[in-house]
């Protein structure tokens, strides 16, 4: 990943545009510290977890979104294809309930 690919970055977290977007705005928020999946989110201490969630919200604002969806795919059955915890921020169009 090249530095120019970053949408937003802070100490410990990076946000990049998804290479296969499902919405006009589709950004991935990735912790630099590796955990395979959301099932292991407990490996982060409370302060780091709060910083991660704050970073998700900051990233949405940084890309100009007020209304958006945040998704985490957990395990193969949940649609996870990259086994490094990451959050999807999707927006830029009306999200429908059928897409849940």
C-alpha atoms as a PDB file:
ATOM      1  CA  UNK A   1       0.000   0.000   0.000  1.00  0.00           C
ATOM      2  CA  UNK A   2       1.424   3.347  -1.052  1.00  0.00           C
ATOM      3  CA  UNK A   3       1.235   6.384   1.255  1.00  0.00           C
ATOM      4  CA  UNK A   4      -0.983   8.146  -1.297  1.00  0.00           C
ATOM      5  CA  UNK A   5      -3.583   5.374  -0.933  1.00  0.00           C
ATOM      6  CA  UNK A   6      -4.345   6.475   2.634  1.00  0.00           C
ATOM      7  CA  UNK A   7      -7.583   8.374   3.144  1.00  0.00           C
ATOM      8  CA  UNK A   8      -6.934   9.039   6.839  1.00  0.00           C
ATOM      9  CA  UNK A   9      -4.253   7.956   9.281  1.00  0.00           C
ATOM     10  CA  UNK A  10      -3.458   8.268  12.945  1.00  0.00           C
ATOM     11  CA  UNK A  11      -1.180   6.493  15.363  1.00  0.00           C
ATOM     12  CA  UNK A  12      -2.158   2.829  15.183  1.00  0.00           C
ATOM     13  CA  UNK A  13      -4.877   3.004  12.514  1.00  0.00           C
ATOM     14  CA  UNK A  14      -5.118   3.634   8.787  1.00  0.00           C
ATOM     15  CA  UNK A  15      -8.049   4.138   6.417  1.00  0.00           C
ATOM     16  CA  UNK A  16      -7.903   3.330   2.702  1.00  0.00           C
ATOM     17  CA  UNK A  17     -10.387   3.233  -0.161  1.00  0.00           C
ATOM     18  CA  UNK A  18     -11.710  -0.271  -0.803  1.00  0.00           C
ATOM     19  CA  UNK A  19     -10.436  -1.672  -4.116  1.00  0.00           C
ATOM     20  CA  UNK A  20     -13.844  -3.307  -4.749  1.00  0.00           C
ATOM     21  CA  UNK A  21     -16.303  -0.635  -3.561  1.00  0.00           C
ATOM     22  CA  UNK A  22     -19.909  -1.531  -2.774  1.00  0.00           C
ATOM     23  CA  UNK A  23     -20.998   2.129  -2.470  1.00  0.00           C
ATOM     24  CA  UNK A  24     -19.828   5.499  -3.864  1.00  0.00           C
ATOM     25  CA  UNK A  25     -17.761   5.880  -0.684  1.00  0.00           C
ATOM     26  CA  UNK A  26     -16.299   2.627   0.648  1.00  0.00           C
ATOM     27  CA  UNK A  27     -13.411   3.006   3.048  1.00  0.00           C
ATOM     28  CA  UNK A  28     -11.644   0.337   5.115  1.00  0.00           C
ATOM     29  CA  UNK A  29     -10.415   1.193   8.606  1.00  0.00           C
ATOM     30  CA  UNK A  30      -7.555  -1.065   9.612  1.00  0.00           C
ATOM     31  CA  UNK A  31      -5.719  -1.303  12.924  1.00  0.00           C
ATOM     32  CA  UNK A  32      -1.974  -1.544  12.362  1.00  0.00           C
ATOM     33  CA  UNK A  33      -1.754  -4.149  15.127  1.00  0.00           C
ATOM     34  CA  UNK A  34      -2.820  -7.532  13.783  1.00  0.00           C
ATOM     35  CA  UNK A  35      -5.775  -9.545  14.986  1.00  0.00           C
ATOM     36  CA  UNK A  36      -7.442 -11.974  12.589  1.00  0.00           C
ATOM     37  CA  UNK A  37     -11.080 -11.144  13.187  1.00  0.00           C
ATOM     38  CA  UNK A  38     -13.566  -9.221  15.318  1.00  0.00           C
ATOM     39  CA  UNK A  39     -13.817 -12.294  17.569  1.00  0.00           C
ATOM     40  CA  UNK A  40     -10.376 -11.235  18.867  1.00  0.00           C
ATOM     41  CA  UNK A  41     -11.263  -7.578  19.485  1.00  0.00           C
ATOM     42  CA  UNK A  42     -10.765  -8.313  23.194  1.00  0.00           C
ATOM     43  CA  UNK A  43      -7.017  -8.412  22.468  1.00  0.00           C
ATOM     44  CA  UNK A  44      -7.218  -4.596  22.351  1.00  0.00           C
ATOM     45  CA  UNK A  45      -7.354  -2.841  25.714  1.00  0.00           C
ATOM     46  CA  UNK A  46     -10.257  -0.479  26.464  1.00  0.00           C
ATOM     47  CA  UNK A  47      -8.322   2.678  25.507  1.00  0.00           C
ATOM     48  CA  UNK A  48      -7.188   1.199  22.187  1.00  0.00           C
ATOM     49  CA  UNK A  49     -10.720  -0.005  21.422  1.00  0.00           C
ATOM     50  CA  UNK A  50     -12.109   3.480  22.091  1.00  0.00           C
ATOM     51  CA  UNK A  51      -9.430   5.033  19.860  1.00  0.00           C
ATOM     52  CA  UNK A  52     -10.336   2.557  17.105  1.00  0.00           C
ATOM     53  CA  UNK A  53     -14.047   3.401  17.268  1.00  0.00           C
ATOM     54  CA  UNK A  54     -13.276   7.129  17.436  1.00  0.00           C
ATOM     55  CA  UNK A  55     -11.071   6.704  14.357  1.00  0.00           C
ATOM     56  CA  UNK A  56     -13.921   5.022  12.466  1.00  0.00           C
ATOM     57  CA  UNK A  57     -16.156   8.051  13.188  1.00  0.00           C
ATOM     58  CA  UNK A  58     -13.351  10.535  12.383  1.00  0.00           C
ATOM     59  CA  UNK A  59     -12.702   8.780   9.082  1.00  0.00           C
ATOM     60  CA  UNK A  60     -16.360   9.003   8.064  1.00  0.00           C
ATOM     61  CA  UNK A  61     -16.250  12.758   8.753  1.00  0.00           C
ATOM     62  CA  UNK A  62     -12.909  13.089   6.925  1.00  0.00           C
ATOM     63  CA  UNK A  63     -14.404  11.607   3.743  1.00  0.00           C
ATOM     64  CA  UNK A  64     -17.454  13.855   3.983  1.00  0.00           C
ATOM     65  CA  UNK A  65     -20.044  11.388   5.242  1.00  0.00           C
ATOM     66  CA  UNK A  66     -22.806  12.339   7.645  1.00  0.00           C
ATOM     67  CA  UNK A  67     -24.974   9.265   7.074  1.00  0.00           C
ATOM     68  CA  UNK A  68     -23.235   5.947   6.556  1.00  0.00           C
ATOM     69  CA  UNK A  69     -23.080   2.265   7.439  1.00  0.00           C
ATOM     70  CA  UNK A  70     -20.269   0.561   9.383  1.00  0.00           C
ATOM     71  CA  UNK A  71     -19.786  -3.178   8.811  1.00  0.00           C
ATOM     72  CA  UNK A  72     -17.414  -5.804  10.181  1.00  0.00           C
ATOM     73  CA  UNK A  73     -17.436  -9.215   8.489  1.00  0.00           C
ATOM     74  CA  UNK A  74     -16.589 -11.992  10.949  1.00  0.00           C
ATOM     75  CA  UNK A  75     -15.311 -15.336   9.670  1.00  0.00           C
ATOM     76  CA  UNK A  76     -15.788 -16.972   6.291  1.00  0.00           C
ATOM     77  CA  UNK A  77     -19.494 -17.505   6.885  1.00  0.00           C
ATOM     78  CA  UNK A  78     -19.853 -13.795   7.628  1.00  0.00           C
ATOM     79  CA  UNK A  79     -18.180 -12.811   4.374  1.00  0.00           C
ATOM     80  CA  UNK A  80     -14.679 -12.135   5.724  1.00  0.00           C
ATOM     81  CA  UNK A  81     -12.076 -12.686   2.991  1.00  0.00           C
ATOM     82  CA  UNK A  82      -9.119 -10.797   4.513  1.00  0.00           C
ATOM     83  CA  UNK A  83      -8.137 -12.146   7.919  1.00  0.00           C
ATOM     84  CA  UNK A  84      -6.946  -8.934   9.515  1.00  0.00           C
ATOM     85  CA  UNK A  85      -9.622  -7.070  11.487  1.00  0.00           C
ATOM     86  CA  UNK A  86     -11.036  -4.169   9.480  1.00  0.00           C
ATOM     87  CA  UNK A  87     -14.162  -2.025   9.430  1.00  0.00           C
ATOM     88  CA  UNK A  88     -16.044  -1.058   6.265  1.00  0.00           C
ATOM     89  CA  UNK A  89     -17.499   2.461   6.088  1.00  0.00           C
ATOM     90  CA  UNK A  90     -20.057   2.698   3.279  1.00  0.00           C
ATOM     91  CA  UNK A  91     -21.936   5.800   2.204  1.00  0.00           C
ATOM     92  CA  UNK A  92     -22.689   8.272  -0.527  1.00  0.00           C
ATOM     93  CA  UNK A  93     -26.061   6.711  -1.364  1.00  0.00           C
ATOM     94  CA  UNK A  94     -29.197   5.497   0.407  1.00  0.00           C
ATOM     95  CA  UNK A  95     -28.473   2.195   2.137  1.00  0.00           C
ATOM     96  CA  UNK A  96     -31.312  -0.307   2.025  1.00  0.00           C
ATOM     97  CA  UNK A  97     -32.391  -2.809   4.635  1.00  0.00           C
ATOM     98  CA  UNK A  98     -32.105  -5.613   2.077  1.00  0.00           C
ATOM     99  CA  UNK A  99     -28.331  -5.047   2.008  1.00  0.00           C
ATOM    100  CA  UNK A 100     -27.910  -6.070   5.636  1.00  0.00           C
END
